[in-house]
Amino acid sequence: MALTQMNLALIHDRLHIKTFWEKRIDNNCQYAQNEEERVKKSALTKLRGEWTVRLENRTKHLKSLNDNYVRKVKKSADQT
């Protein structure tokens, strides 16, 4: 009888532990899904892309201005 009760206790403990971890895994999976959806809905990626384009355009513009200035300086130096 004591052996049967021990076996039942072990089975109960195993089921309890299994249930505990299954719940933890389910909660973790749900959290990961929610986080993934939140990130997809975020405008941050779009904003980063827009700012990257703006910075690239600004860099091109500044380089063009600098190149034009250097050409003018060279041209005036050549003329003197």
PDB file of N, CA and C in Angstrom:
ATOM      1  N   MET A   1       0.822  -1.202   0.000  1.00  0.00           N
ATOM      2  CA  MET A   1       0.000   0.000   0.000  1.00  0.00           C
ATOM      3  C   MET A   1       0.864   1.263   0.000  1.00  0.00           C
ATOM      4  N   ALA A   2       1.888   1.293   0.778  1.00  0.00           N
ATOM      5  CA  ALA A   2       2.776   2.450   0.843  1.00  0.00           C
ATOM      6  C   ALA A   2       3.455   2.664  -0.503  1.00  0.00           C
ATOM      7  N   LEU A   3       3.803   1.575  -1.180  1.00  0.00           N
ATOM      8  CA  LEU A   3       4.438   1.663  -2.491  1.00  0.00           C
ATOM      9  C   LEU A   3       3.487   2.278  -3.505  1.00  0.00           C
ATOM     10  N   THR A   4       2.222   1.895  -3.461  1.00  0.00           N
ATOM     11  CA  THR A   4       1.228   2.438  -4.370  1.00  0.00           C
ATOM     12  C   THR A   4       1.045   3.934  -4.125  1.00  0.00           C
ATOM     13  N   GLN A   5       1.000   4.321  -2.864  1.00  0.00           N
ATOM     14  CA  GLN A   5       0.855   5.738  -2.543  1.00  0.00           C
ATOM     15  C   GLN A   5       2.071   6.529  -3.010  1.00  0.00           C
ATOM     16  N   MET A   6       3.265   5.938  -2.886  1.00  0.00           N
ATOM     17  CA  MET A   6       4.471   6.606  -3.356  1.00  0.00           C
ATOM     18  C   MET A   6       4.430   6.782  -4.868  1.00  0.00           C
ATOM     19  N   ASN A   7       3.983   5.712  -5.568  1.00  0.00           N
ATOM     20  CA  ASN A   7       3.880   5.800  -7.029  1.00  0.00           C
ATOM     21  C   ASN A   7       2.878   6.872  -7.437  1.00  0.00           C
ATOM     22  N   LEU A   8       1.751   6.913  -6.740  1.00  0.00           N
ATOM     23  CA  LEU A   8       0.746   7.931  -7.044  1.00  0.00           C
ATOM     24  C   LEU A   8       1.301   9.333  -6.778  1.00  0.00           C
ATOM     25  N   ALA A   9       2.066   9.467  -5.700  1.00  0.00           N
ATOM     26  CA  ALA A   9       2.666  10.757  -5.380  1.00  0.00           C
ATOM     27  C   ALA A   9       3.671  11.154  -6.468  1.00  0.00           C
ATOM     28  N   LEU A  10       4.465  10.217  -6.928  1.00  0.00           N
ATOM     29  CA  LEU A  10       5.437  10.501  -7.981  1.00  0.00           C
ATOM     30  C   LEU A  10       4.739  10.880  -9.277  1.00  0.00           C
ATOM     31  N   ILE A  11       3.687  10.157  -9.617  1.00  0.00           N
ATOM     32  CA  ILE A  11       2.925  10.466 -10.831  1.00  0.00           C
ATOM     33  C   ILE A  11       2.315  11.859 -10.721  1.00  0.00           C
ATOM     34  N   HIS A  12       1.752  12.151  -9.544  1.00  0.00           N
ATOM     35  CA  HIS A  12       1.155  13.463  -9.322  1.00  0.00           C
ATOM     36  C   HIS A  12       2.229  14.555  -9.462  1.00  0.00           C
ATOM     37  N   ASP A  13       3.394  14.337  -8.859  1.00  0.00           N
ATOM     38  CA  ASP A  13       4.484  15.316  -8.952  1.00  0.00           C
ATOM     39  C   ASP A  13       4.922  15.496 -10.398  1.00  0.00           C
ATOM     40  N   ARG A  14       5.056  14.404 -11.138  1.00  0.00           N
ATOM     41  CA  ARG A  14       5.467  14.493 -12.539  1.00  0.00           C
ATOM     42  C   ARG A  14       4.440  15.266 -13.355  1.00  0.00           C
ATOM     43  N   LEU A  15       3.165  14.974 -13.121  1.00  0.00           N
ATOM     44  CA  LEU A  15       2.121  15.697 -13.846  1.00  0.00           C
ATOM     45  C   LEU A  15       2.136  17.181 -13.486  1.00  0.00           C
ATOM     46  N   HIS A  16       2.357  17.448 -12.210  1.00  0.00           N
ATOM     47  CA  HIS A  16       2.407  18.848 -11.763  1.00  0.00           C
ATOM     48  C   HIS A  16       3.576  19.579 -12.440  1.00  0.00           C
ATOM     49  N   ILE A  17       4.721  18.948 -12.443  1.00  0.00           N
ATOM     50  CA  ILE A  17       5.903  19.561 -13.061  1.00  0.00           C
ATOM     51  C   ILE A  17       5.697  19.721 -14.561  1.00  0.00           C
ATOM     52  N   LYS A  18       5.147  18.706 -15.207  1.00  0.00           N
ATOM     53  CA  LYS A  18       4.899  18.767 -16.657  1.00  0.00           C
ATOM     54  C   LYS A  18       3.923  19.904 -16.972  1.00  0.00           C
ATOM     55  N   THR A  19       2.855  19.984 -16.205  1.00  0.00           N
ATOM     56  CA  THR A  19       1.858  21.038 -16.408  1.00  0.00           C
ATOM     57  C   THR A  19       2.481  22.410 -16.189  1.00  0.00           C
ATOM     58  N   PHE A  20       3.286  22.519 -15.141  1.00  0.00           N
ATOM     59  CA  PHE A  20       3.956  23.782 -14.845  1.00  0.00           C
ATOM     60  C   PHE A  20       4.796  24.231 -16.031  1.00  0.00           C
ATOM     61  N   TRP A  21       5.634  23.367 -16.578  1.00  0.00           N
ATOM     62  CA  TRP A  21       6.509  23.737 -17.677  1.00  0.00           C
ATOM     63  C   TRP A  21       5.742  23.954 -18.968  1.00  0.00           C
ATOM     64  N   GLU A  22       4.698  23.193 -19.202  1.00  0.00           N
ATOM     65  CA  GLU A  22       3.885  23.419 -20.404  1.00  0.00           C
ATOM     66  C   GLU A  22       3.249  24.806 -20.360  1.00  0.00           C
ATOM     67  N   LYS A  23       2.789  25.217 -19.189  1.00  0.00           N
ATOM     68  CA  LYS A  23       2.204  26.555 -19.045  1.00  0.00           C
ATOM     69  C   LYS A  23       3.274  27.621 -19.276  1.00  0.00           C
ATOM     70  N   ARG A  24       4.472  27.415 -18.722  1.00  0.00           N
ATOM     71  CA  ARG A  24       5.558  28.382 -18.912  1.00  0.00           C
ATOM     72  C   ARG A  24       5.917  28.506 -20.390  1.00  0.00           C
ATOM     73  N   ILE A  25       5.993  27.366 -21.079  1.00  0.00           N
ATOM     74  CA  ILE A  25       6.334  27.373 -22.503  1.00  0.00           C
ATOM     75  C   ILE A  25       5.242  28.070 -23.307  1.00  0.00           C
ATOM     76  N   ASP A  26       3.987  27.761 -23.012  1.00  0.00           N
ATOM     77  CA  ASP A  26       2.866  28.413 -23.711  1.00  0.00           C
ATOM     78  C   ASP A  26       2.897  29.927 -23.495  1.00  0.00           C
ATOM     79  N   ASN A  27       3.123  30.338 -22.252  1.00  0.00           N
ATOM     80  CA  ASN A  27       3.181  31.772 -21.948  1.00  0.00           C
ATOM     81  C   ASN A  27       4.333  32.439 -22.686  1.00  0.00           C
ATOM     82  N   ASN A  28       5.469  31.772 -22.725  1.00  0.00           N
ATOM     83  CA  ASN A  28       6.630  32.323 -23.417  1.00  0.00           C
ATOM     84  C   ASN A  28       6.369  32.439 -24.917  1.00  0.00           C
ATOM     85  N   CYS A  29       5.760  31.419 -25.497  1.00  0.00           N
ATOM     86  CA  CYS A  29       5.431  31.460 -26.934  1.00  0.00           C
ATOM     87  C   CYS A  29       4.448  32.585 -27.229  1.00  0.00           C
ATOM     88  N   GLN A  30       3.449  32.747 -26.387  1.00  0.00           N
ATOM     89  CA  GLN A  30       2.464  33.814 -26.561  1.00  0.00           C
ATOM     90  C   GLN A  30       3.128  35.176 -26.454  1.00  0.00           C
ATOM     91  N   TYR A  31       4.030  35.328 -25.490  1.00  0.00           N
ATOM     92  CA  TYR A  31       4.749  36.590 -25.327  1.00  0.00           C
ATOM     93  C   TYR A  31       5.583  36.887 -26.573  1.00  0.00           C
ATOM     94  N   ALA A  32       6.266  35.870 -27.096  1.00  0.00           N
ATOM     95  CA  ALA A  32       7.095  36.056 -28.293  1.00  0.00           C
ATOM     96  C   ALA A  32       6.236  36.465 -29.493  1.00  0.00           C
ATOM     97  N   GLN A  33       5.083  35.843 -29.646  1.00  0.00           N
ATOM     98  CA  GLN A  33       4.178  36.201 -30.749  1.00  0.00           C
ATOM     99  C   GLN A  33       3.698  37.648 -30.604  1.00  0.00           C
ATOM    100  N   ASN A  34       3.290  38.011 -29.399  1.00  0.00           N
ATOM    101  CA  ASN A  34       2.816  39.380 -29.165  1.00  0.00           C
ATOM    102  C   ASN A  34       3.918  40.389 -29.440  1.00  0.00           C
ATOM    103  N   GLU A  35       5.133  40.073 -29.018  1.00  0.00           N
ATOM    104  CA  GLU A  35       6.261  40.984 -29.238  1.00  0.00           C
ATOM    105  C   GLU A  35       6.565  41.113 -30.730  1.00  0.00           C
ATOM    106  N   GLU A  36       6.507  40.012 -31.448  1.00  0.00           N
ATOM    107  CA  GLU A  36       6.754  40.038 -32.900  1.00  0.00           C
ATOM    108  C   GLU A  36       5.711  40.896 -33.614  1.00  0.00           C
ATOM    109  N   GLU A  37       4.451  40.763 -33.238  1.00  0.00           N
ATOM    110  CA  GLU A  37       3.392  41.563 -33.846  1.00  0.00           C
ATOM    111  C   GLU A  37       3.551  43.042 -33.493  1.00  0.00           C
ATOM    112  N   ARG A  38       3.960  43.310 -32.260  1.00  0.00           N
ATOM    113  CA  ARG A  38       4.168  44.696 -31.841  1.00  0.00           C
ATOM    114  C   ARG A  38       5.274  45.336 -32.676  1.00  0.00           C
ATOM    115  N   VAL A  39       6.343  44.599 -32.896  1.00  0.00           N
ATOM    116  CA  VAL A  39       7.461  45.133 -33.675  1.00  0.00           C
ATOM    117  C   VAL A  39       7.044  45.343 -35.125  1.00  0.00           C
ATOM    118  N   LYS A  40       6.240  44.428 -35.677  1.00  0.00           N
ATOM    119  CA  LYS A  40       5.774  44.571 -37.061  1.00  0.00           C
ATOM    120  C   LYS A  40       4.916  45.819 -37.229  1.00  0.00           C
ATOM    121  N   LYS A  41       4.112  46.118 -36.215  1.00  0.00           N
ATOM    122  CA  LYS A  41       3.225  47.276 -36.284  1.00  0.00           C
ATOM    123  C   LYS A  41       3.963  48.590 -36.030  1.00  0.00           C
ATOM    124  N   SER A  42       5.152  48.495 -35.481  1.00  0.00           N
ATOM    125  CA  SER A  42       5.912  49.690 -35.126  1.00  0.00           C
ATOM    126  C   SER A  42       6.303  50.475 -36.366  1.00  0.00           C
ATOM    127  N   ALA A  43       6.279  51.768 -36.240  1.00  0.00           N
ATOM    128  CA  ALA A  43       6.658  52.646 -37.352  1.00  0.00           C
ATOM    129  C   ALA A  43       8.166  52.897 -37.362  1.00  0.00           C
ATOM    130  N   LEU A  44       8.865  52.346 -36.401  1.00  0.00           N
ATOM    131  CA  LEU A  44      10.291  52.621 -36.264  1.00  0.00           C
ATOM    132  C   LEU A  44      11.087  52.209 -37.497  1.00  0.00           C
ATOM    133  N   THR A  45      10.803  51.050 -38.055  1.00  0.00           N
ATOM    134  CA  THR A  45      11.534  50.591 -39.246  1.00  0.00           C
ATOM    135  C   THR A  45      11.323  51.551 -40.406  1.00  0.00           C
ATOM    136  N   LYS A  46      10.079  51.963 -40.607  1.00  0.00           N
ATOM    137  CA  LYS A  46       9.770  52.905 -41.686  1.00  0.00           C
ATOM    138  C   LYS A  46      10.486  54.237 -41.461  1.00  0.00           C
ATOM    139  N   LEU A  47      10.466  54.721 -40.227  1.00  0.00           N
ATOM    140  CA  LEU A  47      11.133  55.986 -39.914  1.00  0.00           C
ATOM    141  C   LEU A  47      12.640  55.895 -40.136  1.00  0.00           C
ATOM    142  N   ARG A  48      13.234  54.780 -39.741  1.00  0.00           N
ATOM    143  CA  ARG A  48      14.676  54.608 -39.960  1.00  0.00           C
ATOM    144  C   ARG A  48      14.998  54.646 -41.447  1.00  0.00           C
ATOM    145  N   GLY A  49      14.171  53.987 -42.244  1.00  0.00           N
ATOM    146  CA  GLY A  49      14.379  54.002 -43.688  1.00  0.00           C
ATOM    147  C   GLY A  49      14.281  55.404 -44.260  1.00  0.00           C
ATOM    148  N   GLU A  50      13.271  56.135 -43.818  1.00  0.00           N
ATOM    149  CA  GLU A  50      13.094  57.509 -44.300  1.00  0.00           C
ATOM    150  C   GLU A  50      14.278  58.393 -43.912  1.00  0.00           C
ATOM    151  N   TRP A  51      14.750  58.249 -42.679  1.00  0.00           N
ATOM    152  CA  TRP A  51      15.893  59.056 -42.237  1.00  0.00           C
ATOM    153  C   TRP A  51      17.167  58.663 -42.981  1.00  0.00           C
ATOM    154  N   THR A  52      17.309  57.400 -43.288  1.00  0.00           N
ATOM    155  CA  THR A  52      18.482  56.956 -44.057  1.00  0.00           C
ATOM    156  C   THR A  52      18.481  57.618 -45.431  1.00  0.00           C
ATOM    157  N   VAL A  53      17.314  57.640 -46.081  1.00  0.00           N
ATOM    158  CA  VAL A  53      17.205  58.286 -47.394  1.00  0.00           C
ATOM    159  C   VAL A  53      17.514  59.771 -47.272  1.00  0.00           C
ATOM    160  N   ARG A  54      16.968  60.424 -46.244  1.00  0.00           N
ATOM    161  CA  ARG A  54      17.225  61.855 -46.050  1.00  0.00           C
ATOM    162  C   ARG A  54      18.719  62.127 -45.866  1.00  0.00           C
ATOM    163  N   LEU A  55      19.366  61.305 -45.038  1.00  0.00           N
ATOM    164  CA  LEU A  55      20.790  61.513 -44.785  1.00  0.00           C
ATOM    165  C   LEU A  55      21.618  61.260 -46.033  1.00  0.00           C
ATOM    166  N   GLU A  56      21.242  60.254 -46.812  1.00  0.00           N
ATOM    167  CA  GLU A  56      21.964  59.982 -48.060  1.00  0.00           C
ATOM    168  C   GLU A  56      21.824  61.159 -49.026  1.00  0.00           C
ATOM    169  N   ASN A  57      20.604  61.674 -49.146  1.00  0.00           N
ATOM    170  CA  ASN A  57      20.378  62.828 -50.027  1.00  0.00           C
ATOM    171  C   ASN A  57      21.153  64.051 -49.541  1.00  0.00           C
ATOM    172  N   ARG A  58      21.174  64.269 -48.246  1.00  0.00           N
ATOM    173  CA  ARG A  58      21.905  65.415 -47.691  1.00  0.00           C
ATOM    174  C   ARG A  58      23.400  65.259 -47.954  1.00  0.00           C
ATOM    175  N   THR A  59      23.907  64.049 -47.769  1.00  0.00           N
ATOM    176  CA  THR A  59      25.324  63.808 -48.015  1.00  0.00           C
ATOM    177  C   THR A  59      25.670  64.057 -49.476  1.00  0.00           C
ATOM    178  N   LYS A  60      24.830  63.583 -50.395  1.00  0.00           N
ATOM    179  CA  LYS A  60      25.056  63.821 -51.828  1.00  0.00           C
ATOM    180  C   LYS A  60      25.056  65.316 -52.137  1.00  0.00           C
ATOM    181  N   HIS A  61      24.090  66.030 -51.544  1.00  0.00           N
ATOM    182  CA  HIS A  61      23.985  67.471 -51.782  1.00  0.00           C
ATOM    183  C   HIS A  61      25.234  68.196 -51.273  1.00  0.00           C
ATOM    184  N   LEU A  62      25.671  67.864 -50.062  1.00  0.00           N
ATOM    185  CA  LEU A  62      26.853  68.513 -49.497  1.00  0.00           C
ATOM    186  C   LEU A  62      28.104  68.177 -50.306  1.00  0.00           C
ATOM    187  N   LYS A  63      28.197  66.956 -50.777  1.00  0.00           N
ATOM    188  CA  LYS A  63      29.344  66.571 -51.608  1.00  0.00           C
ATOM    189  C   LYS A  63      29.331  67.363 -52.914  1.00  0.00           C
ATOM    190  N   SER A  64      28.159  67.514 -53.492  1.00  0.00           N
ATOM    191  CA  SER A  64      28.033  68.285 -54.724  1.00  0.00           C
ATOM    192  C   SER A  64      28.448  69.742 -54.500  1.00  0.00           C
ATOM    193  N   LEU A  65      27.969  70.331 -53.411  1.00  0.00           N
ATOM    194  CA  LEU A  65      28.349  71.713 -53.087  1.00  0.00           C
ATOM    195  C   LEU A  65      29.864  71.824 -52.911  1.00  0.00           C
ATOM    196  N   ASN A  66      30.439  70.890 -52.213  1.00  0.00           N
ATOM    197  CA  ASN A  66      31.879  70.913 -51.980  1.00  0.00           C
ATOM    198  C   ASN A  66      32.650  70.754 -53.294  1.00  0.00           C
ATOM    199  N   ASP A  67      32.199  69.814 -54.142  1.00  0.00           N
ATOM    200  CA  ASP A  67      32.859  69.616 -55.437  1.00  0.00           C
ATOM    201  C   ASP A  67      32.794  70.886 -56.286  1.00  0.00           C
ATOM    202  N   ASN A  68      31.630  71.533 -56.301  1.00  0.00           N
ATOM    203  CA  ASN A  68      31.478  72.791 -57.056  1.00  0.00           C
ATOM    204  C   ASN A  68      32.407  73.875 -56.503  1.00  0.00           C
ATOM    205  N   TYR A  69      32.494  73.968 -55.203  1.00  0.00           N
ATOM    206  CA  TYR A  69      33.362  74.964 -54.570  1.00  0.00           C
ATOM    207  C   TYR A  69      34.823  74.698 -54.938  1.00  0.00           C
ATOM    208  N   VAL A  70      35.238  73.438 -54.874  1.00  0.00           N
ATOM    209  CA  VAL A  70      36.622  73.087 -55.209  1.00  0.00           C
ATOM    210  C   VAL A  70      36.911  73.428 -56.667  1.00  0.00           C
ATOM    211  N   ARG A  71      35.969  73.146 -57.562  1.00  0.00           N
ATOM    212  CA  ARG A  71      36.142  73.475 -58.988  1.00  0.00           C
ATOM    213  C   ARG A  71      36.305  74.985 -59.185  1.00  0.00           C
ATOM    214  N   LYS A  72      35.471  75.758 -58.495  1.00  0.00           N
ATOM    215  CA  LYS A  72      35.556  77.224 -58.620  1.00  0.00           C
ATOM    216  C   LYS A  72      36.898  77.734 -58.113  1.00  0.00           C
ATOM    217  N   VAL A  73      37.349  77.204 -56.992  1.00  0.00           N
ATOM    218  CA  VAL A  73      38.631  77.635 -56.427  1.00  0.00           C
ATOM    219  C   VAL A  73      39.763  77.270 -57.370  1.00  0.00           C
ATOM    220  N   LYS A  74      39.730  76.068 -57.939  1.00  0.00           N
ATOM    221  CA  LYS A  74      40.764  75.652 -58.885  1.00  0.00           C
ATOM    222  C   LYS A  74      40.757  76.538 -60.132  1.00  0.00           C
ATOM    223  N   LYS A  75      39.532  76.811 -60.613  1.00  0.00           N
ATOM    224  CA  LYS A  75      39.386  77.621 -61.824  1.00  0.00           C
ATOM    225  C   LYS A  75      39.940  79.033 -61.593  1.00  0.00           C
ATOM    226  N   SER A  76      39.609  79.617 -60.442  1.00  0.00           N
ATOM    227  CA  SER A  76      40.112  80.966 -60.152  1.00  0.00           C
ATOM    228  C   SER A  76      41.617  80.947 -59.934  1.00  0.00           C
ATOM    229  N   ALA A  77      42.146  79.865 -59.365  1.00  0.00           N
ATOM    230  CA  ALA A  77      43.589  79.750 -59.162  1.00  0.00           C
ATOM    231  C   ALA A  77      44.299  79.585 -60.488  1.00  0.00           C
ATOM    232  N   ASP A  78      43.705  78.875 -61.418  1.00  0.00           N
ATOM    233  CA  ASP A  78      44.290  78.660 -62.743  1.00  0.00           C
ATOM    234  C   ASP A  78      44.288  79.961 -63.543  1.00  0.00           C
ATOM    235  N   GLN A  79      43.307  80.796 -63.341  1.00  0.00           N
ATOM    236  CA  GLN A  79      43.185  82.035 -64.110  1.00  0.00           C
ATOM    237  C   GLN A  79      44.178  83.091 -63.637  1.00  0.00           C
ATOM    238  N   THR A  80      44.646  82.959 -62.425  1.00  0.00           N
ATOM    239  CA  THR A  80      45.575  83.995 -61.942  1.00  0.00           C
ATOM    240  C   THR A  80      47.005  83.696 -62.229  1.00  0.00           C
TER     241      THR A  80
END
